[in-house]
Amino acid sequence: MAGRTFAVGDLHGGLDQLFRLLSCFPELDAEDTLVFIGDYVDRGPKSAQVVDYIRNLPSMTRANVVALRGNHEDAWLRVVDHGWDEFVMPPLNGCLAAFRSFVDGPVPSENELPRADERMMIQTGAFFPDDVVQWFRQLPLWYEDEHAIYVHAGLPQHPDGGFYHPRQVTDSMSLLWGRDEEFFSNYTGKLVVFGHTGTEYLAQEIPKGVMNDQIGIWRCGDAIGIDTGCGHGGYLSALELPAMNIYDSR
């Protein structure tokens, strides 16, 4: 018999929300799996602490722990490798908050820009410890079990009108950064659990009673979105499969 899987949405530096969410879960055992859908850093105040906690979680729980790469981890790898000012400079992306958490600096105010002495470190990602960068690099892009496929952004559409399985995808951009309206509206097949796009921005057509409120976990067809805005004004959500139980940090 397959164990339970608890899929956790985008964290974005929300350590306190993560602790509240995990306290809602039933006791986990070795048959259970925790799947984190990616985006551990930026925006919220505790990026460094979230990364540290997720990395150490396998030693603190009997459950299997799977941490996927999100587009924000992917973006920071690009910054480290080549630089990417278009990502790190806009306040909306929350990169200053990540930087300050790793250097024990003050939490930035809304729309605060980095000081001149902070800018170079942010533009190169040099503040990340080497082991954190290596952890970002080894994060898998997707995970699959008996219940569902788990991926940060969703699945790209095949020319025949269907959708690619992640193992068929050669360009990781679509798995990490995609926002395909066809996927959101028309995907059917094995259940796919994704984050990246906040559920408040998705069309509110929710069959089967999966959503718990107007901006909660979202479902259309066989696609389920679980990014409920943690780190930027929302809260953290999780979905338990196969029972379809919903948990959140509120």
Protein backbone atom coordinates (compact mmCIF):
# COMPACT_ATOMS: atom_id res chain seq x y z
CA MET A 1 0.00 0.00 0.00
CA ALA A 2 1.37 3.42 -0.95
CA GLY A 3 2.07 5.84 1.86
CA ARG A 4 0.80 9.37 2.13
CA THR A 5 2.40 12.29 0.31
CA PHE A 6 2.29 15.82 1.70
CA ALA A 7 3.04 18.39 -1.02
CA VAL A 8 4.10 21.79 0.36
CA GLY A 9 3.78 25.00 -1.65
CA ASP A 10 6.26 27.80 -2.37
CA LEU A 11 7.94 28.89 0.88
CA HIS A 12 9.76 32.13 -0.03
CA GLY A 13 11.54 32.57 3.27
CA GLY A 14 8.49 31.72 5.37
CA LEU A 15 10.05 29.68 8.17
CA ASP A 16 7.42 30.57 10.76
CA GLN A 17 4.66 29.62 8.32
CA LEU A 18 6.43 26.31 7.66
CA PHE A 19 6.55 25.50 11.36
CA ARG A 20 2.85 26.30 11.75
CA LEU A 21 2.00 24.17 8.72
CA LEU A 22 4.03 21.16 9.85
CA SER A 23 2.40 21.33 13.28
CA CYS A 24 -0.95 20.66 11.56
CA PHE A 25 0.20 17.40 9.95
CA PRO A 26 -0.58 14.03 11.48
CA GLU A 27 2.37 12.04 12.78
CA LEU A 28 4.51 10.93 9.84
CA ASP A 29 6.12 7.53 9.42
CA ALA A 30 8.60 5.88 7.08
CA GLU A 31 5.90 5.20 4.47
CA ASP A 32 5.11 8.91 4.11
CA THR A 33 6.76 11.50 1.85
CA LEU A 34 7.13 15.26 2.16
CA VAL A 35 7.48 16.98 -1.22
CA PHE A 36 8.54 20.63 -1.27
CA ILE A 37 7.58 22.24 -4.57
CA GLY A 38 10.48 24.75 -4.69
CA ASP A 39 11.10 28.49 -4.14
CA TYR A 40 12.65 28.37 -0.68
CA VAL A 41 14.27 31.80 -0.92
CA ASP A 42 13.46 35.49 -1.59
CA ARG A 43 10.67 37.82 -0.46
CA GLY A 44 10.11 36.47 3.06
CA PRO A 45 12.49 37.30 5.93
CA LYS A 46 14.08 33.89 6.59
CA SER A 47 15.45 32.46 3.34
CA ALA A 48 18.68 31.21 4.92
CA GLN A 49 16.84 29.56 7.78
CA VAL A 50 14.34 27.88 5.45
CA VAL A 51 17.16 26.43 3.35
CA ASP A 52 18.96 25.20 6.45
CA TYR A 53 15.82 23.62 7.84
CA ILE A 54 14.85 21.85 4.61
CA ARG A 55 18.39 20.55 4.17
CA ASN A 56 18.40 19.10 7.69
CA LEU A 57 14.82 17.86 7.72
CA PRO A 58 15.67 14.29 6.60
CA SER A 59 17.48 13.78 9.91
CA MET A 60 14.49 15.08 11.88
CA THR A 61 11.61 13.07 10.42
CA ARG A 62 10.89 9.44 9.65
CA ALA A 63 9.28 10.47 6.37
CA ASN A 64 11.05 10.62 3.02
CA VAL A 65 11.88 14.23 2.11
CA VAL A 66 11.95 15.46 -1.50
CA ALA A 67 12.92 19.08 -2.20
CA LEU A 68 12.40 20.23 -5.79
CA ARG A 69 14.06 23.16 -7.52
CA GLY A 70 11.97 26.28 -8.00
CA ASN A 71 12.49 29.11 -10.45
CA HIS A 72 14.04 31.28 -7.70
CA GLU A 73 16.73 28.68 -6.98
CA ASP A 74 17.22 28.35 -10.73
CA ALA A 75 17.51 32.12 -11.06
CA TRP A 76 20.16 32.36 -8.35
CA LEU A 77 22.20 29.68 -10.11
CA ARG A 78 22.13 31.85 -13.22
CA VAL A 79 23.21 34.82 -11.11
CA VAL A 80 26.12 32.87 -9.63
CA ASP A 81 27.19 31.50 -13.02
CA HIS A 82 26.66 34.50 -15.29
CA GLY A 83 25.00 37.37 -13.44
CA TRP A 84 21.40 38.43 -14.00
CA ASP A 85 20.64 41.98 -12.92
CA GLU A 86 17.14 41.83 -14.39
CA PHE A 87 16.28 39.25 -11.74
CA VAL A 88 18.14 40.48 -8.68
CA MET A 89 17.44 44.22 -8.87
CA PRO A 90 13.60 44.53 -8.99
CA PRO A 91 12.28 44.71 -5.40
CA LEU A 92 9.32 42.52 -6.37
CA ASN A 93 11.61 39.48 -6.67
CA GLY A 94 12.67 39.84 -3.05
CA CYS A 95 16.38 39.19 -3.55
CA LEU A 96 17.45 41.78 -0.99
CA ALA A 97 15.51 39.86 1.66
CA ALA A 98 17.38 36.68 0.77
CA PHE A 99 20.74 38.46 0.90
CA ARG A 100 20.01 40.05 4.27
CA SER A 101 18.94 36.71 5.75
CA PHE A 102 22.23 35.06 4.73
CA VAL A 103 24.36 37.89 6.16
CA ASP A 104 22.25 38.44 9.29
CA GLY A 105 21.17 41.87 8.13
CA PRO A 106 17.92 43.69 8.89
CA VAL A 107 14.71 42.68 7.15
CA PRO A 108 14.21 45.12 4.24
CA SER A 109 11.18 47.33 4.06
CA GLU A 110 8.76 47.05 1.14
CA ASN A 111 10.36 48.25 -2.12
CA GLU A 112 13.67 48.96 -0.37
CA LEU A 113 16.65 48.94 -2.73
CA PRO A 114 20.07 47.51 -1.79
CA ARG A 115 22.74 49.88 -0.56
CA ALA A 116 25.77 50.41 -2.78
CA ASP A 117 27.88 48.11 -0.59
CA GLU A 118 25.26 45.35 -0.89
CA ARG A 119 24.70 45.58 -4.61
CA MET A 120 27.82 43.73 -5.80
CA MET A 121 27.21 40.80 -3.46
CA ILE A 122 23.64 40.50 -4.70
CA GLN A 123 24.59 40.88 -8.37
CA THR A 124 27.01 37.95 -8.11
CA GLY A 125 25.26 35.81 -5.50
CA ALA A 126 28.58 35.73 -3.65
CA PHE A 127 26.85 35.75 -0.27
CA PHE A 128 25.58 32.19 -0.74
CA PRO A 129 27.78 29.58 0.97
CA ASP A 130 29.26 27.11 -1.51
CA ASP A 131 27.33 24.22 0.01
CA VAL A 132 24.03 26.06 -0.51
CA VAL A 133 24.87 26.69 -4.18
CA GLN A 134 25.69 23.01 -4.60
CA TRP A 135 22.42 22.09 -2.92
CA PHE A 136 20.56 24.33 -5.39
CA ARG A 137 22.34 22.55 -8.26
CA GLN A 138 21.37 19.06 -7.16
CA LEU A 139 17.69 19.79 -6.53
CA PRO A 140 15.59 17.63 -8.87
CA LEU A 141 13.19 19.28 -11.31
CA TRP A 142 10.31 16.89 -10.66
CA TYR A 143 9.18 13.92 -8.63
CA GLU A 144 6.60 11.22 -9.24
CA ASP A 145 4.93 8.65 -7.03
CA GLU A 146 1.79 6.52 -7.14
CA HIS A 147 -0.39 9.54 -6.45
CA ALA A 148 0.86 12.34 -8.68
CA ILE A 149 3.61 14.15 -10.57
CA TYR A 150 5.11 17.07 -8.63
CA VAL A 151 6.79 19.94 -10.46
CA HIS A 152 7.36 23.61 -9.72
CA ALA A 153 5.57 25.32 -12.61
CA GLY A 154 3.58 22.73 -14.56
CA LEU A 155 3.92 20.76 -17.79
CA PRO A 156 4.43 22.02 -21.35
CA GLN A 157 1.99 21.13 -24.09
CA HIS A 158 2.85 18.61 -26.79
CA PRO A 159 2.16 19.57 -30.45
CA ASP A 160 -0.51 16.87 -30.60
CA GLY A 161 -2.46 18.68 -27.90
CA GLY A 162 -1.40 16.49 -25.00
CA PHE A 163 1.22 17.33 -22.39
CA TYR A 164 4.78 16.14 -21.99
CA HIS A 165 5.76 13.99 -19.04
CA PRO A 166 8.67 15.71 -17.22
CA ARG A 167 11.08 12.96 -18.26
CA GLN A 168 10.42 13.91 -21.89
CA VAL A 169 11.21 17.60 -21.35
CA THR A 170 14.65 18.69 -22.55
CA ASP A 171 14.33 22.38 -21.67
CA SER A 172 13.94 22.87 -17.93
CA MET A 173 12.53 26.38 -18.41
CA SER A 174 8.99 25.10 -18.90
CA LEU A 175 9.09 23.00 -15.72
CA LEU A 176 10.46 25.86 -13.61
CA TRP A 177 9.19 29.05 -15.21
CA GLY A 178 6.20 28.14 -17.38
CA ARG A 179 2.75 29.63 -17.06
CA ASP A 180 0.85 27.77 -19.75
CA GLU A 181 -2.84 28.66 -19.87
CA GLU A 182 -3.51 25.42 -21.75
CA PHE A 183 -2.04 23.46 -18.85
CA PHE A 184 -4.06 25.41 -16.30
CA SER A 185 -7.30 25.02 -18.27
CA ASN A 186 -7.12 21.72 -20.13
CA TYR A 187 -4.69 19.29 -18.50
CA THR A 188 -6.03 15.80 -17.86
CA GLY A 189 -4.08 12.69 -17.02
CA LYS A 190 -2.11 11.68 -13.97
CA LEU A 191 -2.59 14.26 -11.25
CA VAL A 192 -0.01 17.09 -11.36
CA VAL A 193 0.72 19.20 -8.28
CA PHE A 194 2.49 22.49 -8.98
CA GLY A 195 3.38 25.86 -7.47
CA HIS A 196 4.95 29.00 -9.01
CA THR A 197 1.70 30.69 -10.07
CA GLY A 198 -0.26 32.02 -7.12
CA THR A 199 -3.68 30.44 -6.94
CA GLU A 200 -5.32 33.87 -6.62
CA TYR A 201 -4.29 34.47 -10.25
CA LEU A 202 -5.79 31.23 -11.57
CA ALA A 203 -9.33 30.95 -12.87
CA GLN A 204 -11.58 29.94 -10.02
CA GLU A 205 -13.21 26.87 -11.52
CA ILE A 206 -12.80 24.26 -8.85
CA PRO A 207 -14.45 20.89 -9.33
CA LYS A 208 -14.50 18.08 -6.77
CA GLY A 209 -14.41 20.39 -3.75
CA VAL A 210 -10.64 20.56 -3.57
CA MET A 211 -10.29 24.26 -2.87
CA ASN A 212 -10.81 25.36 0.73
CA ASP A 213 -11.51 29.06 0.09
CA GLN A 214 -11.38 31.68 -2.63
CA ILE A 215 -7.59 31.97 -2.74
CA GLY A 216 -6.71 28.53 -1.41
CA ILE A 217 -5.47 25.42 -3.12
CA TRP A 218 -6.75 25.37 -6.70
CA ARG A 219 -7.80 22.58 -9.06
CA CYS A 220 -8.91 22.39 -12.66
CA GLY A 221 -9.07 19.00 -14.33
CA ASP A 222 -6.07 17.06 -13.05
CA ALA A 223 -3.83 20.05 -12.26
CA ILE A 224 -3.64 21.26 -8.66
CA GLY A 225 -1.94 24.55 -7.73
CA ILE A 226 -0.65 24.95 -4.17
CA ASP A 227 1.15 28.34 -4.17
CA THR A 228 -1.00 30.43 -1.85
CA GLY A 229 1.34 33.40 -1.55
CA CYS A 230 3.65 32.58 1.35
CA GLY A 231 6.32 35.27 1.64
CA HIS A 232 4.35 37.96 -0.13
CA GLY A 233 1.09 38.55 1.65
CA GLY A 234 -0.43 35.09 1.62
CA TYR A 235 0.13 31.91 3.58
CA LEU A 236 1.63 28.44 3.16
CA SER A 237 -0.48 25.48 2.05
CA ALA A 238 -0.03 21.75 1.70
CA LEU A 239 -2.02 18.96 0.08
CA GLU A 240 -2.12 15.41 1.41
CA LEU A 241 -2.52 12.66 -1.17
CA PRO A 242 -4.35 10.44 -1.81
CA ALA A 243 -6.84 11.71 0.80
CA MET A 244 -6.95 15.26 -0.66
CA ASN A 245 -6.70 16.76 2.82
CA ILE A 246 -5.68 20.43 2.88
CA TYR A 247 -3.50 22.10 5.51
CA ASP A 248 -2.36 25.70 5.82
CA SER A 249 -0.35 28.00 8.08
CA ARG A 250 -3.14 30.38 9.06
